[in-house]
Amino acid sequence: MFCRHLCFLSLCLLLPTHRRCSLGHIPDLRGGDTTSLPGFENLTMGYNKYLRPYFGGEPVQIAMSLDIASISSISESDMDYTATIYLRQRWTDPRLVFHGNKSFTLDARLVELLWVPDTYIVESKRSFLHDVTVGNRLIRLFSNGTILYALRITTTVACNMDLSKYPMDTQTCRLQLESWGYDENDVTFTWLRGNDSVHGIEKLRLSQYTVERYYTLVSKSQQETGSYPRLILQFELRRNVLYFILETYVPSTLLVMLSWVSFWITLDSVPARTCIGVTTVLSMTTLMIGSRSSLSKTNCFIKAIDVYLGICFSFIFGALVEYAVAHYSSSQKCAAKAPPEGPANELSKEMEEVNITNILNSSITSYKRKISFTSIEISSDNVNCSGLTMKTHEKIKCVLRNKMHRIISYFTIQNPSNVDHYSKLLFPLFFMLVNVFYWAYYLYF
């Protein structure tokens, strides 16, 4: 009875001024002027907004369509996006059938007097309905009982992102609509025209992304309280990498190339080469910190940009270590060539004046005799360990000593100036190869 009077009151608001009525007087819509709102007496005869259409019978079929007005922000740190949408829902209520072929747009406040679906946005963090200047809702009633219910909503929806390929990533986000209380026995959700039910998304212009494609899905949500209908709009966002190339990739590459300048500076220019090495290392460190500051909450991800910056830092640090090795080898070689000072130097000069040819000949002869007894031949630093008189452990020690001499001689830098010469070729070559593998992997795999 209460609902009947409320519906009657709303009907009175729709009538012209001279047809206004009170709760004590029900206008006769069956006779007289029936051209204005023919058949609207159904609103006052047994309508109950708390009961869905076809209550106790077949489920109500609700067809939906969407207009994406804007996507204002996409946050990688919070992993969500904020969108303003126009949600339109259509269903048929046989209790609202009236005669004629007209449709009427009713005051949005009449929503409180009608049954409407309990649709909600899954994974929504924050949402609100626009209310300037009035609540942005629309109710349109057709003669066959079809109701069009439209809303303008701004919502922030969670979007799980995989940032392992950032900034060359493609993210897939969803907008999911589901019934809160009515399961599939009461309501069914369908898209009004399939993929054509969604408009506006192909016209969006985003700061960092480009909408690659989108498609609609119809699904069900199985929960403990039942199986609920769900509609899904899934769209793919591809990040525009040009900004990051100019902001991060180009500066880091130039810093690596700057570190190679030290290879053309002589080893004696210690301040110049040290200044270039330390400056490039510090600049690269600052660039790495700046690139991660915008994604401070996603440091758990090893992103593609982190890999590239790590590669660049390794090459810059390697150029600094290369100079340290070359300079150390050069200083050791100079120290070995320098003549001894003091009395030892004077003694060596006096010994040079002595004819020691006979002494050397006699020494070599006696030394060869000793070697012949033990069958050990010394050639350079290697010793032939095949002597029959040697014990087993002595042979093992001899073999190990020869191996160590070979390893040390292999890694010994004979000419330190060759280190810079090889670095001029190897550093750029390896850097280009690493870049080829890097870009091929992250762009095509």
Protein backbone atom coordinates (compact mmCIF):
# COMPACT_ATOMS: atom_id res chain seq x y z
CA MET A 1 0.00 0.00 0.00
CA PHE A 2 2.87 2.32 0.85
CA CYS A 3 4.53 1.68 -2.48
CA ARG A 4 1.23 2.29 -4.24
CA HIS A 5 0.90 5.73 -2.69
CA LEU A 6 4.54 6.61 -3.50
CA CYS A 7 4.08 5.60 -7.11
CA PHE A 8 0.84 7.53 -7.24
CA LEU A 9 2.63 10.61 -5.87
CA SER A 10 5.34 10.35 -8.52
CA LEU A 11 2.64 10.05 -11.16
CA CYS A 12 1.04 13.22 -9.92
CA LEU A 13 4.34 15.04 -10.37
CA LEU A 14 4.38 14.02 -14.00
CA LEU A 15 0.87 15.31 -14.73
CA PRO A 16 0.16 18.90 -15.82
CA THR A 17 -0.70 21.50 -13.22
CA HIS A 18 -4.44 21.35 -13.75
CA ARG A 19 -4.32 17.56 -13.35
CA ARG A 20 -2.37 17.58 -10.05
CA CYS A 21 -3.91 15.44 -7.33
CA SER A 22 -3.60 14.47 -3.71
CA LEU A 23 -3.27 11.14 -1.97
CA GLY A 24 -6.99 11.22 -1.31
CA HIS A 25 -7.94 11.53 -4.95
CA ILE A 26 -6.79 9.02 -7.57
CA PRO A 27 -7.13 10.30 -11.12
CA ASP A 28 -9.00 8.21 -13.59
CA LEU A 29 -6.43 7.32 -16.24
CA ARG A 30 -8.73 4.83 -17.94
CA GLY A 31 -11.02 7.50 -19.29
CA GLY A 32 -10.96 11.12 -20.26
CA ASP A 33 -7.55 12.38 -21.45
CA THR A 34 -5.66 9.12 -22.04
CA THR A 35 -3.25 10.47 -24.63
CA SER A 36 -0.74 11.98 -22.17
CA LEU A 37 0.27 8.91 -20.18
CA PRO A 38 -1.87 6.03 -21.39
CA GLY A 39 -1.81 2.88 -19.29
CA PHE A 40 0.27 4.35 -16.46
CA GLU A 41 -2.27 3.11 -13.96
CA ASN A 42 -0.04 -0.01 -13.75
CA LEU A 43 2.34 1.97 -11.56
CA THR A 44 -0.35 2.26 -8.92
CA MET A 45 -1.76 -1.24 -9.11
CA GLY A 46 0.23 -3.78 -7.17
CA TYR A 47 3.75 -2.73 -8.20
CA ASN A 48 6.38 -3.76 -5.64
CA LYS A 49 9.89 -2.42 -6.18
CA TYR A 50 11.32 -4.96 -3.75
CA LEU A 51 10.43 -7.84 -6.06
CA ARG A 52 12.24 -8.35 -9.35
CA PRO A 53 10.34 -8.77 -12.61
CA TYR A 54 9.19 -12.35 -13.23
CA PHE A 55 9.54 -13.02 -9.51
CA GLY A 56 9.46 -16.76 -8.90
CA GLY A 57 9.82 -17.47 -12.61
CA GLU A 58 12.43 -17.04 -15.30
CA PRO A 59 15.47 -14.84 -14.63
CA VAL A 60 15.55 -11.22 -15.74
CA GLN A 61 17.79 -10.65 -18.75
CA ILE A 62 19.82 -7.44 -18.37
CA ALA A 63 21.62 -6.13 -21.45
CA MET A 64 24.45 -3.64 -20.89
CA SER A 65 26.50 -1.20 -22.91
CA LEU A 66 29.38 1.09 -21.99
CA ASP A 67 30.80 4.40 -23.09
CA ILE A 68 34.35 5.07 -21.88
CA ALA A 69 34.51 8.84 -21.46
CA SER A 70 38.11 8.97 -20.20
CA ILE A 71 40.90 7.10 -18.48
CA SER A 72 42.48 9.83 -16.42
CA SER A 73 45.38 7.98 -14.85
CA ILE A 74 47.14 4.62 -14.90
CA SER A 75 49.31 4.07 -11.85
CA GLU A 76 52.09 1.46 -11.90
CA SER A 77 52.93 2.03 -8.24
CA ASP A 78 49.35 1.44 -7.05
CA MET A 79 48.53 -0.93 -9.94
CA ASP A 80 45.19 0.59 -10.84
CA TYR A 81 43.52 2.90 -13.33
CA THR A 82 40.84 5.56 -12.99
CA ALA A 83 38.08 5.77 -15.61
CA THR A 84 34.87 7.70 -16.14
CA ILE A 85 32.21 5.54 -17.77
CA TYR A 86 28.60 5.76 -18.90
CA LEU A 87 26.90 2.53 -17.84
CA ARG A 88 23.61 1.71 -19.56
CA GLN A 89 21.40 -1.19 -18.47
CA ARG A 90 18.26 -2.44 -20.21
CA TRP A 91 15.71 -4.94 -18.95
CA THR A 92 12.00 -5.63 -19.37
CA ASP A 93 9.49 -5.35 -16.55
CA PRO A 94 6.05 -6.63 -17.65
CA ARG A 95 4.43 -4.71 -14.79
CA LEU A 96 5.26 -1.44 -16.57
CA VAL A 97 3.71 -2.21 -19.95
CA PHE A 98 1.41 0.52 -21.27
CA HIS A 99 -0.46 1.15 -24.49
CA GLY A 100 1.05 3.11 -27.33
CA ASN A 101 4.37 3.32 -29.12
CA LYS A 102 5.91 6.16 -27.18
CA SER A 103 8.80 6.19 -24.72
CA PHE A 104 9.02 8.52 -21.74
CA THR A 105 12.09 9.89 -19.99
CA LEU A 106 11.26 10.09 -16.31
CA ASP A 107 12.77 12.14 -13.54
CA ALA A 108 15.87 10.43 -12.16
CA ARG A 109 14.44 10.62 -8.67
CA LEU A 110 11.83 8.04 -9.69
CA VAL A 111 14.58 5.42 -9.54
CA GLU A 112 13.76 5.12 -5.86
CA LEU A 113 10.30 3.85 -6.83
CA LEU A 114 11.41 1.18 -9.31
CA TRP A 115 13.24 -2.10 -9.13
CA VAL A 116 16.78 -1.75 -10.54
CA PRO A 117 19.61 -4.32 -10.82
CA ASP A 118 22.21 -4.44 -8.05
CA THR A 119 25.15 -4.20 -10.45
CA TYR A 120 28.56 -3.37 -9.00
CA ILE A 121 32.11 -3.01 -10.35
CA VAL A 122 34.39 -5.85 -9.35
CA GLU A 123 37.85 -4.90 -8.01
CA SER A 124 36.80 -1.28 -7.63
CA LYS A 125 38.81 0.61 -5.00
CA ARG A 126 36.91 3.90 -5.09
CA SER A 127 33.81 4.88 -7.06
CA PHE A 128 31.29 7.69 -7.04
CA LEU A 129 28.24 8.76 -8.99
CA HIS A 130 28.39 12.27 -10.41
CA ASP A 131 25.79 14.60 -8.92
CA VAL A 132 26.35 18.01 -10.57
CA THR A 133 23.94 19.63 -10.92
CA VAL A 134 21.73 16.69 -10.05
CA GLY A 135 22.46 12.99 -9.86
CA ASN A 136 23.68 11.92 -13.30
CA ARG A 137 21.10 9.19 -13.82
CA LEU A 138 18.58 8.56 -16.55
CA ILE A 139 15.37 6.52 -16.58
CA ARG A 140 13.54 5.90 -19.84
CA LEU A 141 10.40 3.75 -20.04
CA PHE A 142 9.19 2.11 -23.24
CA SER A 143 5.65 0.92 -23.94
CA ASN A 144 6.63 -2.76 -23.94
CA GLY A 145 7.92 -2.45 -20.37
CA THR A 146 11.61 -2.05 -21.29
CA ILE A 147 13.54 0.21 -18.94
CA LEU A 148 16.76 2.04 -19.84
CA TYR A 149 18.82 2.96 -16.79
CA ALA A 150 21.97 5.02 -17.40
CA LEU A 151 24.62 6.21 -14.93
CA ARG A 152 27.80 8.31 -15.10
CA ILE A 153 30.41 6.80 -12.79
CA THR A 154 34.04 7.53 -12.02
CA THR A 155 35.83 4.49 -10.61
CA THR A 156 39.34 3.43 -9.68
CA VAL A 157 39.81 -0.23 -10.54
CA ALA A 158 42.69 -2.53 -9.67
CA CYS A 159 44.80 -3.83 -12.56
CA ASN A 160 47.45 -6.44 -11.89
CA MET A 161 50.49 -5.46 -13.96
CA ASP A 162 53.54 -7.41 -15.01
CA LEU A 163 56.38 -4.86 -15.06
CA SER A 164 59.19 -7.27 -15.97
CA LYS A 165 59.40 -5.70 -19.45
CA TYR A 166 58.90 -2.10 -18.34
CA PRO A 167 58.97 0.22 -20.30
CA MET A 168 58.43 -2.08 -23.28
CA ASP A 169 55.47 -3.78 -21.65
CA THR A 170 51.87 -4.38 -22.65
CA GLN A 171 49.36 -4.41 -19.80
CA THR A 172 45.97 -6.14 -19.83
CA CYS A 173 43.33 -4.50 -17.64
CA ARG A 174 39.72 -5.41 -16.99
CA LEU A 175 36.46 -3.73 -16.13
CA GLN A 176 34.13 -6.34 -14.62
CA LEU A 177 30.42 -5.90 -13.88
CA GLU A 178 28.64 -8.36 -11.65
CA SER A 179 25.38 -8.77 -9.75
CA TRP A 180 25.86 -8.41 -6.02
CA GLY A 181 22.90 -10.32 -4.60
CA TYR A 182 20.98 -11.94 -7.47
CA ASP A 183 22.51 -15.17 -8.73
CA GLU A 184 22.09 -16.64 -12.21
CA ASN A 185 18.67 -18.07 -11.23
CA ASP A 186 17.35 -14.51 -10.79
CA VAL A 187 19.24 -12.39 -13.36
CA THR A 188 21.41 -12.96 -16.42
CA PHE A 189 23.86 -10.43 -17.86
CA THR A 190 24.52 -10.00 -21.58
CA TRP A 191 26.27 -7.44 -23.73
CA LEU A 192 23.76 -5.53 -25.83
CA ARG A 193 25.72 -5.82 -29.11
CA GLY A 194 28.83 -7.84 -28.31
CA ASN A 195 32.05 -5.88 -28.87
CA ASP A 196 29.98 -3.03 -30.33
CA SER A 197 28.48 -2.53 -26.89
CA VAL A 198 31.61 -0.60 -25.88
CA HIS A 199 32.28 2.83 -27.35
CA GLY A 200 34.85 5.55 -26.82
CA ILE A 201 37.79 3.37 -25.87
CA GLU A 202 39.26 3.45 -29.36
CA LYS A 203 39.29 7.26 -29.27
CA LEU A 204 41.18 7.59 -26.00
CA ARG A 205 44.46 9.51 -26.01
CA LEU A 206 46.64 8.51 -23.07
CA SER A 207 49.97 10.03 -22.04
CA GLN A 208 52.02 6.83 -21.87
CA TYR A 209 49.82 4.18 -23.45
CA THR A 210 48.10 3.25 -26.66
CA VAL A 211 45.01 1.03 -26.64
CA GLU A 212 45.96 -1.98 -28.75
CA ARG A 213 42.67 -3.85 -28.74
CA TYR A 214 39.69 -4.65 -26.55
CA TYR A 215 37.00 -7.30 -26.41
CA THR A 216 34.01 -8.27 -24.29
CA LEU A 217 33.40 -11.50 -22.40
CA VAL A 218 30.47 -13.11 -20.58
CA SER A 219 31.43 -15.11 -17.53
CA LYS A 220 30.22 -16.38 -14.18
CA SER A 221 31.61 -15.87 -10.71
CA GLN A 222 31.40 -18.99 -8.58
CA GLN A 223 31.23 -18.10 -4.92
CA GLU A 224 30.13 -19.79 -1.73
CA THR A 225 26.69 -18.17 -1.89
CA GLY A 226 26.03 -19.13 -5.51
CA SER A 227 26.95 -18.53 -9.12
CA TYR A 228 26.65 -14.88 -10.19
CA PRO A 229 26.61 -13.46 -13.73
CA ARG A 230 29.56 -11.31 -14.76
CA LEU A 231 30.40 -9.17 -17.79
CA ILE A 232 34.04 -8.42 -18.61
CA LEU A 233 35.57 -5.68 -20.73
CA GLN A 234 39.22 -6.55 -21.34
CA PHE A 235 41.59 -4.11 -23.04
CA GLU A 236 45.32 -4.10 -23.75
CA LEU A 237 47.48 -1.04 -23.20
CA ARG A 238 50.86 -0.79 -24.90
CA ARG A 239 53.33 1.65 -23.38
CA ASN A 240 54.91 4.29 -25.59
CA VAL A 241 58.64 3.68 -25.26
CA LEU A 242 59.85 6.80 -27.09
CA TYR A 243 59.76 8.92 -23.94
CA PHE A 244 61.94 6.45 -22.05
CA ILE A 245 64.38 6.19 -24.93
CA LEU A 246 64.97 9.94 -24.82
CA GLU A 247 64.86 10.14 -21.03
CA THR A 248 66.93 7.12 -19.97
CA TYR A 249 68.29 4.90 -22.74
CA VAL A 250 70.07 7.61 -24.76
CA PRO A 251 71.77 9.29 -21.74
CA SER A 252 72.96 5.96 -20.33
CA THR A 253 74.36 4.92 -23.73
CA LEU A 254 76.19 8.23 -24.08
CA LEU A 255 77.72 7.78 -20.62
CA VAL A 256 79.07 4.40 -21.67
CA MET A 257 80.59 5.93 -24.80
CA LEU A 258 82.07 8.74 -22.70
CA SER A 259 83.87 6.19 -20.54
CA TRP A 260 85.62 4.87 -23.67
CA VAL A 261 87.34 8.23 -24.18
CA SER A 262 89.83 7.26 -21.47
CA PHE A 263 91.23 4.53 -23.75
CA TRP A 264 92.71 7.25 -26.01
CA ILE A 265 94.46 8.99 -23.10
CA THR A 266 97.95 7.86 -22.16
CA LEU A 267 98.55 5.85 -19.02
CA ASP A 268 100.65 8.65 -17.51
CA SER A 269 97.64 11.03 -17.42
CA VAL A 270 96.38 9.73 -14.11
CA PRO A 271 94.13 12.71 -13.15
CA ALA A 272 92.41 12.84 -16.55
CA ARG A 273 91.60 9.16 -16.76
CA THR A 274 90.58 8.91 -13.11
CA CYS A 275 88.31 11.95 -13.45
CA ILE A 276 86.52 10.47 -16.49
CA GLY A 277 86.04 7.11 -14.79
CA VAL A 278 84.74 8.43 -11.49
CA THR A 279 82.49 11.05 -13.14
CA THR A 280 80.81 8.54 -15.44
CA VAL A 281 80.27 6.09 -12.57
CA LEU A 282 78.63 8.75 -10.40
CA SER A 283 76.49 10.04 -13.28
CA MET A 284 75.31 6.52 -14.06
CA THR A 285 74.44 5.96 -10.40
CA THR A 286 72.36 9.15 -10.35
CA LEU A 287 70.56 8.09 -13.53
CA MET A 288 69.72 4.69 -12.03
CA ILE A 289 68.33 6.25 -8.85
CA GLY A 290 66.22 8.70 -10.87
CA SER A 291 64.73 5.98 -13.04
CA ARG A 292 63.58 4.02 -10.01
CA SER A 293 62.18 6.97 -8.05
CA SER A 294 58.95 7.04 -10.10
CA LEU A 295 58.35 3.36 -9.31
CA SER A 296 59.46 3.33 -5.71
CA LYS A 297 56.72 0.92 -4.67
CA THR A 298 57.55 -1.67 -7.32
CA ASN A 299 61.22 -2.23 -6.51
CA CYS A 300 60.54 -5.96 -6.16
CA PHE A 301 60.33 -6.16 -9.95
CA ILE A 302 63.49 -6.54 -12.03
CA LYS A 303 62.42 -4.45 -14.98
CA ALA A 304 63.87 -4.24 -18.46
CA ILE A 305 65.10 -0.71 -17.83
CA ASP A 306 66.91 -1.90 -14.69
CA VAL A 307 68.67 -4.59 -16.72
CA TYR A 308 69.84 -2.04 -19.31
CA LEU A 309 71.06 0.41 -16.69
CA GLY A 310 72.88 -2.42 -14.95
CA ILE A 311 74.59 -3.35 -18.23
CA CYS A 312 75.65 0.26 -18.81
CA PHE A 313 76.94 0.57 -15.26
CA SER A 314 78.98 -2.63 -15.69
CA PHE A 315 80.67 -1.31 -18.84
CA ILE A 316 81.45 2.04 -17.20
CA PHE A 317 82.85 0.36 -14.11
CA GLY A 318 84.81 -2.04 -16.33
CA ALA A 319 86.46 0.90 -18.11
CA LEU A 320 87.57 2.26 -14.74
CA VAL A 321 88.94 -1.12 -13.66
CA GLU A 322 90.73 -1.48 -17.02
CA TYR A 323 92.74 1.66 -16.35
CA ALA A 324 93.60 0.48 -12.84
CA VAL A 325 94.96 -2.82 -14.24
CA ALA A 326 96.88 -1.15 -17.06
CA HIS A 327 98.41 1.47 -14.78
CA TYR A 328 99.43 -1.12 -12.19
CA SER A 329 101.08 -3.34 -14.81
CA SER A 330 102.91 -0.36 -16.26
CA SER A 331 104.24 0.68 -12.85
CA GLN A 332 105.41 -2.87 -12.08
CA LYS A 333 107.23 -3.12 -15.40
CA CYS A 334 108.97 0.21 -14.88
CA ALA A 335 110.07 -0.88 -11.39
CA ALA A 336 111.54 -4.10 -12.78
CA LYS A 337 113.55 -2.25 -15.45
CA ALA A 338 114.93 0.37 -13.08
CA PRO A 339 118.64 -0.26 -12.03
CA PRO A 340 119.38 -0.79 -8.32
CA GLU A 341 120.76 2.15 -6.33
CA GLY A 342 123.68 2.47 -3.90
CA PRO A 343 126.62 0.06 -3.41
CA ALA A 344 124.88 -2.72 -5.28
CA ASN A 345 124.78 -0.56 -8.40
CA GLU A 346 128.52 0.22 -8.17
CA LEU A 347 129.32 -3.46 -7.69
CA SER A 348 127.35 -4.40 -10.79
CA LYS A 349 129.29 -1.83 -12.82
CA GLU A 350 132.63 -3.27 -11.66
CA MET A 351 131.46 -6.79 -12.50
CA GLU A 352 130.61 -5.71 -16.02
CA GLU A 353 134.30 -4.85 -16.58
CA VAL A 354 135.45 -8.34 -15.62
CA ASN A 355 135.75 -10.94 -18.32
CA ILE A 356 133.59 -13.76 -17.01
CA THR A 357 133.36 -15.89 -20.10
CA ASN A 358 135.46 -18.69 -18.69
CA ILE A 359 133.59 -18.63 -15.41
CA LEU A 360 130.26 -19.00 -17.17
CA ASN A 361 131.52 -21.83 -19.35
CA SER A 362 132.79 -23.79 -16.39
CA SER A 363 129.55 -23.22 -14.46
CA ILE A 364 127.38 -24.40 -17.32
CA THR A 365 129.51 -27.52 -17.75
CA SER A 366 129.22 -28.49 -14.10
CA TYR A 367 125.49 -27.73 -14.09
CA LYS A 368 124.87 -30.01 -17.06
CA ARG A 369 126.68 -32.81 -15.32
CA LYS A 370 124.38 -32.52 -12.36
CA ILE A 371 121.32 -32.52 -14.55
CA SER A 372 122.42 -35.65 -16.40
CA PHE A 373 122.44 -37.63 -13.16
CA THR A 374 118.84 -36.77 -12.29
CA SER A 375 117.48 -36.67 -15.88
CA ILE A 376 115.96 -33.26 -15.20
CA GLU A 377 116.18 -30.71 -17.96
CA ILE A 378 115.40 -27.09 -17.30
CA SER A 379 114.01 -25.07 -20.16
CA SER A 380 112.99 -21.53 -19.32
CA ASP A 381 110.65 -21.88 -16.31
CA ASN A 382 109.44 -25.39 -17.07
CA VAL A 383 111.12 -28.50 -15.69
CA ASN A 384 110.98 -31.96 -17.21
CA CYS A 385 109.75 -34.12 -14.37
CA SER A 386 110.59 -37.52 -15.89
CA GLY A 387 113.62 -38.25 -13.74
CA LEU A 388 113.84 -41.86 -12.65
CA THR A 389 115.46 -41.00 -9.31
CA MET A 390 112.62 -38.61 -8.30
CA LYS A 391 110.02 -39.78 -5.86
CA THR A 392 106.31 -39.75 -6.64
CA HIS A 393 105.43 -36.75 -4.48
CA GLU A 394 108.38 -34.83 -5.93
CA LYS A 395 107.12 -35.48 -9.46
CA ILE A 396 103.63 -34.26 -8.45
CA LYS A 397 105.08 -31.06 -7.01
CA CYS A 398 107.15 -30.57 -10.14
CA VAL A 399 104.12 -30.95 -12.43
CA LEU A 400 102.02 -28.57 -10.35
CA ARG A 401 104.83 -26.01 -10.35
CA ASN A 402 105.07 -26.18 -14.14
CA LYS A 403 101.28 -25.70 -14.46
CA MET A 404 101.35 -22.68 -12.20
CA HIS A 405 104.19 -21.15 -14.23
CA ARG A 406 102.17 -21.57 -17.41
CA ILE A 407 99.03 -20.05 -15.89
CA ILE A 408 100.90 -17.07 -14.48
CA SER A 409 102.74 -16.47 -17.75
CA TYR A 410 99.41 -16.63 -19.62
CA PHE A 411 97.87 -13.86 -17.51
CA THR A 412 101.00 -11.78 -17.28
CA ILE A 413 100.69 -8.53 -19.22
CA GLN A 414 103.87 -8.20 -21.22
CA ASN A 415 103.02 -4.79 -22.69
CA PRO A 416 100.58 -2.68 -20.65
CA SER A 417 99.96 -0.32 -23.57
CA ASN A 418 98.25 -3.19 -25.40
CA VAL A 419 95.49 -3.21 -22.77
CA ASP A 420 94.17 0.12 -24.04
CA HIS A 421 94.64 -1.00 -27.62
CA TYR A 422 92.47 -4.09 -27.17
CA SER A 423 89.93 -2.22 -25.02
CA LYS A 424 89.29 0.24 -27.86
CA LEU A 425 87.97 -2.67 -29.92
CA LEU A 426 86.53 -5.09 -27.37
CA PHE A 427 84.44 -2.69 -25.26
CA PRO A 428 82.41 -1.24 -28.19
CA LEU A 429 82.08 -4.68 -29.80
CA PHE A 430 80.74 -6.35 -26.68
CA PHE A 431 78.43 -3.42 -25.94
CA MET A 432 76.86 -3.65 -29.41
CA LEU A 433 76.40 -7.40 -29.07
CA VAL A 434 74.72 -7.02 -25.68
CA ASN A 435 72.40 -4.36 -27.12
CA VAL A 436 71.39 -6.65 -29.97
CA PHE A 437 70.47 -9.46 -27.58
CA TYR A 438 68.76 -7.06 -25.17
CA TRP A 439 66.46 -5.38 -27.68
CA ALA A 440 65.72 -8.61 -29.52
CA TYR A 441 64.68 -10.36 -26.31
CA TYR A 442 62.46 -7.63 -24.87
CA LEU A 443 60.82 -6.60 -28.14
CA TYR A 444 60.17 -9.98 -29.72
CA PHE A 445 60.02 -12.50 -26.85
